[in-house]
Amino acid sequence: MSTTSAASRIPYRLVRKGMIMSPLPGEANEAEGVLNPASGRTPNGRLHLLPRLVAKGNVSRVGLAEVTFTDGVPSGVERRGVVLAPDEGWERGKRNAGVEDPRVTWIPSLGKHVMSYVAYGPLGPKPALAVSEDLTEWTRLGPIHFAYQPDLDTDLNLFPNKDVVHFPEPVPGPDGEPAYAMLHRPMWDLGWFRPGEGVHLPAGITDERPGIWISYVPVAEVETDIRALARPRAHRLVALSAHPWEELKIGAGPAPIRVPEGWLLIHHGVSGHIEDPFAQNQKVSYAAGAMILDPADPAKVLARSEEPLMAPETEEERTGTVPNVVFPTAIEEIDGQRYVFYGMADAQIGVALLERTA
């Protein structure tokens, strides 16, 4: 992990354009909110969101909704149904179930959309993958299985893990060979599973706060078998919390996008107080920031925003299932401009224009 922190070197800002999706009255699948969408384009080029739909009891599904526009700006959606539900045994427990917080990356070299999502099963939140060519029909690749890495002195599969997202093209792996890379956020406290067990940190890590990691799969392996995407290795720490607005933890947002400075990663940072990492916390604030990752080594941070690009300010962002949440999860180019879609207080979905400032 190598970081150069300079807000002036993040020449981007987010400008709110409004709320574009809220729960439909009477729709059981949306009784507790619509939030944290993925995005992509169907074969006919139409832009869609894949929102997390939350039913009573915090049971989540992934929906599909076509984006509508007013004067070229995203302004609403037309629902197209549910495309992923917690139908597999490992996606549900006796008192919980869910497929949550999808991220979707279109990877042209594979000709597929790759969805990462959180399966909320018997052992809590575990990351999983699915692939599609049309955003409608999805093939599960199964839970992600992180390869054992002796120098970490631990097994990453022991830990809950969220905020998984793929780069849209191969990047140099640690050995210099082309690889498909994914960002993710392990959580080291095992007390949720075995009371009193506490935090188990990998070798060389002294900060127990959840941060952003990167793992790789060689291109040649994926070309032979797409299921190799679910077996990443060469795990490396990318970034930990560095500023007050992200003092508790950070996590990746939408798929990184290539900009002149490198890979632009929009991320979220959390401040406040967390009593239970798996409860719907009411004493936190989620804000959006940005990093620039090195194209030659995406585990290296070249620049980072010292202040958030967006923090909870509007009524929709400050009032909801979890108050004070701005949670960016998707980014799309529309007529030459980039828009970021984000969850608002775990209840609704907003959109903001990503503008270059220099």
Protein backbone atom coordinates (compact mmCIF):
# COMPACT_ATOMS: atom_id res chain seq x y z
CA MET A 1 0.00 0.00 0.00
CA SER A 2 1.40 3.38 -1.04
CA THR A 3 -0.54 6.62 -0.75
CA THR A 4 -0.02 10.22 -1.73
CA SER A 5 -2.82 12.30 -0.21
CA ALA A 6 -3.58 15.57 -1.95
CA ALA A 7 -7.10 16.89 -2.43
CA SER A 8 -5.89 19.20 -5.21
CA ARG A 9 -4.91 16.15 -7.24
CA ILE A 10 -8.50 14.86 -7.36
CA PRO A 11 -9.85 17.20 -10.05
CA TYR A 12 -13.46 16.00 -9.82
CA ARG A 13 -16.62 16.90 -7.97
CA LEU A 14 -20.15 15.52 -7.64
CA VAL A 15 -23.16 17.71 -8.38
CA ARG A 16 -26.56 16.43 -7.25
CA LYS A 17 -29.24 15.96 -9.90
CA GLY A 18 -31.98 14.60 -7.67
CA MET A 19 -33.73 11.44 -6.55
CA ILE A 20 -34.66 9.02 -9.34
CA MET A 21 -36.14 5.98 -7.58
CA SER A 22 -38.13 5.49 -4.38
CA PRO A 23 -40.16 2.54 -3.05
CA LEU A 24 -43.36 1.86 -4.98
CA PRO A 25 -46.35 1.97 -2.60
CA GLY A 26 -47.87 -1.47 -2.20
CA GLU A 27 -44.90 -3.29 -3.76
CA ALA A 28 -43.94 -5.98 -1.22
CA ASN A 29 -40.40 -6.38 -2.57
CA GLU A 30 -39.75 -2.68 -1.86
CA ALA A 31 -41.44 -2.40 1.53
CA GLU A 32 -38.20 -1.43 3.30
CA GLY A 33 -36.48 0.50 0.54
CA VAL A 34 -34.78 0.65 -2.86
CA LEU A 35 -31.10 1.47 -2.70
CA ASN A 36 -27.47 0.94 -3.73
CA PRO A 37 -27.96 0.15 -7.43
CA ALA A 38 -25.66 -1.43 -9.95
CA SER A 39 -26.00 -0.33 -13.57
CA GLY A 40 -25.45 -1.46 -17.14
CA ARG A 41 -26.76 -1.36 -20.68
CA THR A 42 -28.86 -4.04 -22.32
CA PRO A 43 -27.88 -5.23 -25.82
CA ASN A 44 -30.12 -2.52 -27.34
CA GLY A 45 -28.04 0.14 -25.58
CA ARG A 46 -30.67 1.17 -23.05
CA LEU A 47 -29.38 2.16 -19.61
CA HIS A 48 -30.70 0.20 -16.65
CA LEU A 49 -30.22 0.21 -12.90
CA LEU A 50 -30.08 -2.99 -10.88
CA PRO A 51 -31.30 -1.72 -7.51
CA ARG A 52 -31.29 -3.57 -4.24
CA LEU A 53 -34.95 -4.11 -3.36
CA VAL A 54 -35.62 -4.68 0.34
CA ALA A 55 -38.74 -6.52 1.47
CA LYS A 56 -40.10 -6.84 4.99
CA GLY A 57 -37.60 -8.47 7.34
CA ASN A 58 -34.61 -6.97 5.48
CA VAL A 59 -34.80 -9.59 2.72
CA SER A 60 -33.08 -8.23 -0.38
CA ARG A 61 -33.42 -8.98 -4.09
CA VAL A 62 -31.83 -7.43 -7.17
CA GLY A 63 -34.23 -5.70 -9.52
CA LEU A 64 -33.97 -4.30 -13.03
CA ALA A 65 -35.22 -0.82 -13.91
CA GLU A 66 -34.78 1.11 -17.15
CA VAL A 67 -33.59 4.68 -16.65
CA THR A 68 -35.74 7.50 -18.03
CA PHE A 69 -34.49 10.99 -18.84
CA THR A 70 -35.56 14.61 -18.73
CA ASP A 71 -33.51 16.93 -20.96
CA GLY A 72 -30.82 14.26 -21.17
CA VAL A 73 -30.46 13.87 -17.39
CA PRO A 74 -31.52 10.68 -15.55
CA SER A 75 -34.78 11.50 -13.78
CA GLY A 76 -36.71 8.28 -13.14
CA VAL A 77 -37.06 4.57 -13.87
CA GLU A 78 -39.44 2.03 -15.36
CA ARG A 79 -39.38 -1.22 -13.41
CA ARG A 80 -38.60 -4.45 -15.27
CA GLY A 81 -38.91 -6.96 -12.43
CA VAL A 82 -36.52 -9.02 -10.29
CA VAL A 83 -33.42 -10.63 -11.81
CA LEU A 84 -31.79 -12.19 -8.74
CA ALA A 85 -33.37 -13.46 -5.51
CA PRO A 86 -31.98 -15.41 -2.52
CA ASP A 87 -32.98 -18.75 -4.03
CA GLU A 88 -29.81 -20.71 -3.22
CA GLY A 89 -29.34 -22.33 0.18
CA TRP A 90 -26.12 -20.42 0.84
CA GLU A 91 -27.95 -17.11 0.24
CA ARG A 92 -30.31 -17.54 3.18
CA GLY A 93 -30.29 -18.63 6.80
CA LYS A 94 -33.01 -19.68 9.21
CA ARG A 95 -33.76 -16.08 10.20
CA ASN A 96 -32.26 -14.09 7.33
CA ALA A 97 -31.88 -14.05 3.56
CA GLY A 98 -30.69 -11.74 0.86
CA VAL A 99 -28.72 -10.91 -2.26
CA GLU A 100 -27.51 -7.41 -1.48
CA ASP A 101 -25.67 -4.36 -2.83
CA PRO A 102 -24.86 -5.52 -6.38
CA ARG A 103 -22.05 -3.97 -8.38
CA VAL A 104 -22.01 -4.68 -12.12
CA THR A 105 -19.02 -4.19 -14.41
CA TRP A 106 -19.24 -4.63 -18.19
CA ILE A 107 -15.98 -6.30 -19.24
CA PRO A 108 -15.69 -6.07 -23.05
CA SER A 109 -12.89 -8.64 -23.30
CA LEU A 110 -15.24 -11.20 -21.74
CA GLY A 111 -18.38 -9.98 -23.49
CA LYS A 112 -20.19 -10.18 -20.16
CA HIS A 113 -21.53 -8.15 -17.30
CA VAL A 114 -19.93 -9.34 -14.06
CA MET A 115 -22.07 -8.86 -10.97
CA SER A 116 -20.63 -9.03 -7.49
CA TYR A 117 -23.12 -9.15 -4.65
CA VAL A 118 -23.37 -9.98 -0.97
CA ALA A 119 -25.08 -13.27 -0.18
CA TYR A 120 -26.60 -12.95 3.29
CA GLY A 121 -26.61 -16.61 4.25
CA PRO A 122 -26.20 -18.86 7.31
CA LEU A 123 -22.73 -17.50 8.14
CA GLY A 124 -23.51 -13.85 7.51
CA PRO A 125 -22.47 -11.71 4.53
CA LYS A 126 -20.28 -13.46 1.96
CA PRO A 127 -19.36 -12.14 -1.50
CA ALA A 128 -20.50 -13.95 -4.63
CA LEU A 129 -20.42 -13.51 -8.41
CA ALA A 130 -22.82 -13.90 -11.33
CA VAL A 131 -22.47 -13.14 -15.05
CA SER A 132 -24.87 -12.08 -17.78
CA GLU A 133 -24.89 -10.96 -21.40
CA ASP A 134 -28.17 -9.04 -21.22
CA LEU A 135 -28.69 -7.97 -17.54
CA THR A 136 -31.82 -10.13 -17.39
CA GLU A 137 -30.57 -13.72 -17.25
CA TRP A 138 -27.82 -14.28 -14.70
CA THR A 139 -25.60 -17.31 -14.17
CA ARG A 140 -24.17 -17.68 -10.69
CA LEU A 141 -20.46 -18.43 -10.43
CA GLY A 142 -20.97 -19.06 -6.72
CA PRO A 143 -19.36 -17.69 -3.57
CA ILE A 144 -15.94 -16.13 -3.97
CA HIS A 145 -13.19 -18.40 -2.67
CA PHE A 146 -10.03 -16.46 -1.84
CA ALA A 147 -6.87 -18.48 -2.42
CA TYR A 148 -4.75 -19.19 0.63
CA GLN A 149 -1.77 -16.85 0.90
CA PRO A 150 0.81 -18.00 3.48
CA ASP A 151 2.37 -14.57 4.07
CA LEU A 152 -0.97 -13.26 5.38
CA ASP A 153 -1.06 -15.99 8.05
CA THR A 154 -4.84 -16.24 7.73
CA ASP A 155 -7.64 -17.48 5.50
CA LEU A 156 -9.63 -14.62 3.97
CA ASN A 157 -12.61 -16.94 3.59
CA LEU A 158 -13.13 -16.84 7.37
CA PHE A 159 -14.20 -13.22 7.27
CA PRO A 160 -17.28 -11.33 6.12
CA ASN A 161 -16.47 -9.36 2.98
CA LYS A 162 -18.35 -6.66 1.09
CA ASP A 163 -17.96 -3.91 -1.54
CA VAL A 164 -16.56 -6.22 -4.21
CA VAL A 165 -16.18 -4.60 -7.62
CA HIS A 166 -14.18 -5.46 -10.75
CA PHE A 167 -12.02 -3.34 -13.01
CA PRO A 168 -13.52 -3.14 -16.53
CA GLU A 169 -10.39 -4.43 -18.26
CA PRO A 170 -7.31 -6.49 -17.43
CA VAL A 171 -4.66 -4.74 -15.34
CA PRO A 172 -1.07 -5.70 -14.51
CA GLY A 173 -0.99 -8.34 -11.78
CA PRO A 174 1.70 -8.42 -9.09
CA ASP A 175 3.81 -10.57 -11.42
CA GLY A 176 3.35 -8.12 -14.29
CA GLU A 177 1.08 -10.44 -16.25
CA PRO A 178 -2.43 -9.30 -17.31
CA ALA A 179 -5.09 -10.13 -14.75
CA TYR A 180 -8.71 -9.43 -13.94
CA ALA A 181 -8.72 -7.58 -10.64
CA MET A 182 -11.36 -7.03 -7.99
CA LEU A 183 -11.50 -4.67 -5.05
CA HIS A 184 -13.07 -5.89 -1.81
CA ARG A 185 -13.37 -5.09 1.89
CA PRO A 186 -12.74 -7.85 4.47
CA MET A 187 -13.96 -7.30 8.04
CA TRP A 188 -11.67 -8.78 10.69
CA ASP A 189 -13.95 -9.01 13.74
CA LEU A 190 -15.19 -12.59 14.17
CA GLY A 191 -17.16 -11.77 17.30
CA TRP A 192 -20.37 -11.81 15.23
CA PHE A 193 -19.80 -15.54 14.60
CA ARG A 194 -18.25 -16.64 17.87
CA PRO A 195 -18.89 -14.25 20.78
CA GLY A 196 -15.64 -13.19 22.38
CA GLU A 197 -13.49 -14.30 19.43
CA GLY A 198 -12.74 -10.69 18.49
CA VAL A 199 -10.44 -9.35 15.81
CA HIS A 200 -8.00 -11.50 13.84
CA LEU A 201 -5.69 -9.42 11.65
CA PRO A 202 -3.58 -10.71 8.75
CA ALA A 203 0.17 -10.66 9.24
CA GLY A 204 1.61 -7.19 8.75
CA ILE A 205 -1.71 -5.39 9.34
CA THR A 206 -2.00 -3.36 12.55
CA ASP A 207 -5.13 -1.30 11.84
CA GLU A 208 -8.30 -3.31 12.44
CA ARG A 209 -10.58 -0.91 10.57
CA PRO A 210 -12.00 -2.43 7.36
CA GLY A 211 -10.27 -1.09 4.26
CA ILE A 212 -9.98 -1.68 0.53
CA TRP A 213 -8.05 -4.72 -0.75
CA ILE A 214 -7.32 -5.97 -4.26
CA SER A 215 -7.09 -9.55 -5.57
CA TYR A 216 -6.30 -10.92 -9.02
CA VAL A 217 -7.05 -13.76 -11.44
CA PRO A 218 -4.76 -14.28 -14.47
CA VAL A 219 -6.47 -13.52 -17.78
CA ALA A 220 -5.46 -16.88 -19.23
CA GLU A 221 -7.30 -18.75 -16.47
CA VAL A 222 -10.51 -16.78 -16.99
CA GLU A 223 -10.35 -17.31 -20.76
CA THR A 224 -10.22 -21.04 -20.10
CA ASP A 225 -12.98 -21.06 -17.48
CA ILE A 226 -15.10 -18.02 -16.54
CA ARG A 227 -15.60 -19.58 -13.09
CA ALA A 228 -11.98 -18.73 -12.31
CA LEU A 229 -13.18 -15.18 -11.57
CA ALA A 230 -14.53 -16.54 -8.29
CA ARG A 231 -11.10 -17.86 -7.25
CA PRO A 232 -8.94 -14.72 -6.84
CA ARG A 233 -5.45 -14.70 -5.37
CA ALA A 234 -2.47 -12.39 -4.77
CA HIS A 235 -4.32 -10.35 -2.14
CA ARG A 236 -2.92 -6.90 -1.32
CA LEU A 237 -4.04 -3.98 0.81
CA VAL A 238 -4.87 -0.85 -1.19
CA ALA A 239 -6.06 1.72 1.36
CA LEU A 240 -7.28 2.22 4.92
CA SER A 241 -9.16 5.08 6.55
CA ALA A 242 -7.10 8.27 6.49
CA HIS A 243 -9.40 11.23 7.24
CA PRO A 244 -12.02 12.10 9.88
CA TRP A 245 -15.00 11.68 7.52
CA GLU A 246 -13.95 8.04 6.93
CA GLU A 247 -12.57 7.29 10.39
CA LEU A 248 -14.46 4.00 10.90
CA LYS A 249 -14.04 2.25 7.55
CA ILE A 250 -13.91 2.69 3.80
CA GLY A 251 -15.13 0.62 0.87
CA ALA A 252 -15.11 0.69 -2.92
CA GLY A 253 -18.05 2.19 -4.78
CA PRO A 254 -18.65 1.83 -8.54
CA ALA A 255 -16.21 0.07 -10.84
CA PRO A 256 -13.07 2.18 -11.33
CA ILE A 257 -13.05 4.28 -14.50
CA ARG A 258 -10.03 5.24 -16.57
CA VAL A 259 -9.22 8.95 -16.51
CA PRO A 260 -6.06 10.85 -17.56
CA GLU A 261 -4.64 10.63 -14.02
CA GLY A 262 -5.11 6.85 -13.70
CA TRP A 263 -8.00 4.76 -12.38
CA LEU A 264 -10.61 6.93 -10.66
CA LEU A 265 -12.24 5.06 -7.79
CA ILE A 266 -15.25 6.63 -6.09
CA HIS A 267 -15.43 5.19 -2.58
CA HIS A 268 -17.45 5.61 0.59
CA GLY A 269 -16.19 6.50 4.03
CA VAL A 270 -17.96 6.04 7.35
CA SER A 271 -17.74 8.10 10.52
CA GLY A 272 -19.67 8.01 13.78
CA HIS A 273 -20.23 5.03 16.05
CA ILE A 274 -20.97 1.39 15.14
CA GLU A 275 -22.37 -0.90 17.82
CA ASP A 276 -23.15 -3.91 15.61
CA PRO A 277 -21.47 -4.11 12.16
CA PHE A 278 -24.38 -6.14 10.76
CA ALA A 279 -27.26 -4.11 12.20
CA GLN A 280 -28.95 -1.15 10.50
CA ASN A 281 -26.88 1.43 12.36
CA GLN A 282 -28.40 4.77 13.26
CA LYS A 283 -25.31 6.57 14.58
CA VAL A 284 -23.12 6.76 11.49
CA SER A 285 -22.58 8.99 8.48
CA TYR A 286 -21.65 7.68 5.03
CA ALA A 287 -19.98 10.07 2.58
CA ALA A 288 -18.43 9.73 -0.89
CA GLY A 289 -14.79 10.41 -1.72
CA ALA A 290 -12.33 9.49 -4.46
CA MET A 291 -8.92 7.97 -5.08
CA ILE A 292 -6.66 7.75 -8.11
CA LEU A 293 -5.07 4.31 -8.51
CA ASP A 294 -1.89 3.71 -10.50
CA PRO A 295 -2.58 2.08 -13.91
CA ALA A 296 0.75 0.26 -13.70
CA ASP A 297 -0.03 -1.04 -10.21
CA PRO A 298 -3.65 -0.55 -9.11
CA ALA A 299 -2.76 -1.49 -5.53
CA LYS A 300 -0.98 1.87 -5.34
CA VAL A 301 -2.92 5.04 -4.48
CA LEU A 302 -1.58 8.09 -6.32
CA ALA A 303 -3.98 10.66 -4.88
CA ARG A 304 -6.92 10.83 -2.52
CA SER A 305 -9.59 13.34 -1.52
CA GLU A 306 -9.02 14.82 1.92
CA GLU A 307 -12.63 16.00 2.08
CA PRO A 308 -15.70 14.15 0.79
CA LEU A 309 -16.99 14.85 -2.69
CA MET A 310 -20.49 14.45 -1.28
CA ALA A 311 -21.81 14.13 2.27
CA PRO A 312 -25.41 13.71 3.48
CA GLU A 313 -27.18 17.07 3.14
CA THR A 314 -30.61 16.67 1.55
CA GLU A 315 -33.71 15.38 3.31
CA GLU A 316 -33.58 12.14 1.30
CA GLU A 317 -29.97 11.56 2.36
CA ARG A 318 -30.51 12.41 6.01
CA THR A 319 -33.80 10.61 6.69
CA GLY A 320 -34.50 6.96 5.95
CA THR A 321 -33.88 3.39 7.06
CA VAL A 322 -30.33 4.38 8.02
CA PRO A 323 -30.08 8.18 8.31
CA ASN A 324 -27.18 10.18 6.91
CA VAL A 325 -26.08 7.91 4.07
CA VAL A 326 -24.59 8.72 0.67
CA PHE A 327 -23.51 5.37 -0.81
CA PRO A 328 -22.22 5.48 -4.44
CA THR A 329 -22.45 2.17 -6.31
CA ALA A 330 -22.74 2.82 -10.06
CA ILE A 331 -21.32 5.15 -12.69
CA GLU A 332 -22.35 5.55 -16.33
CA GLU A 333 -21.44 7.79 -19.26
CA ILE A 334 -24.43 9.50 -20.88
CA ASP A 335 -23.92 11.78 -23.89
CA GLY A 336 -20.31 12.43 -22.94
CA GLN A 337 -21.00 13.09 -19.26
CA ARG A 338 -20.59 10.72 -16.33
CA TYR A 339 -23.28 10.23 -13.72
CA VAL A 340 -22.94 8.51 -10.35
CA PHE A 341 -25.92 6.64 -8.90
CA TYR A 342 -26.06 6.28 -5.14
CA GLY A 343 -28.12 5.03 -2.23
CA MET A 344 -29.83 7.68 -0.11
CA ALA A 345 -30.26 6.78 3.58
CA ASP A 346 -30.77 3.11 2.65
CA ALA A 347 -34.21 3.99 1.31
CA GLN A 348 -34.04 5.71 -2.10
CA ILE A 349 -31.72 6.23 -5.07
CA GLY A 350 -30.17 9.49 -6.22
CA VAL A 351 -27.98 10.60 -9.11
CA ALA A 352 -25.13 13.11 -9.31
CA LEU A 353 -23.08 14.50 -12.17
CA LEU A 354 -19.35 13.79 -12.00
CA GLU A 355 -17.66 16.98 -13.16
CA ARG A 356 -14.03 17.66 -13.86
CA THR A 357 -12.79 20.75 -12.03
CA ALA A 358 -9.42 21.27 -13.70
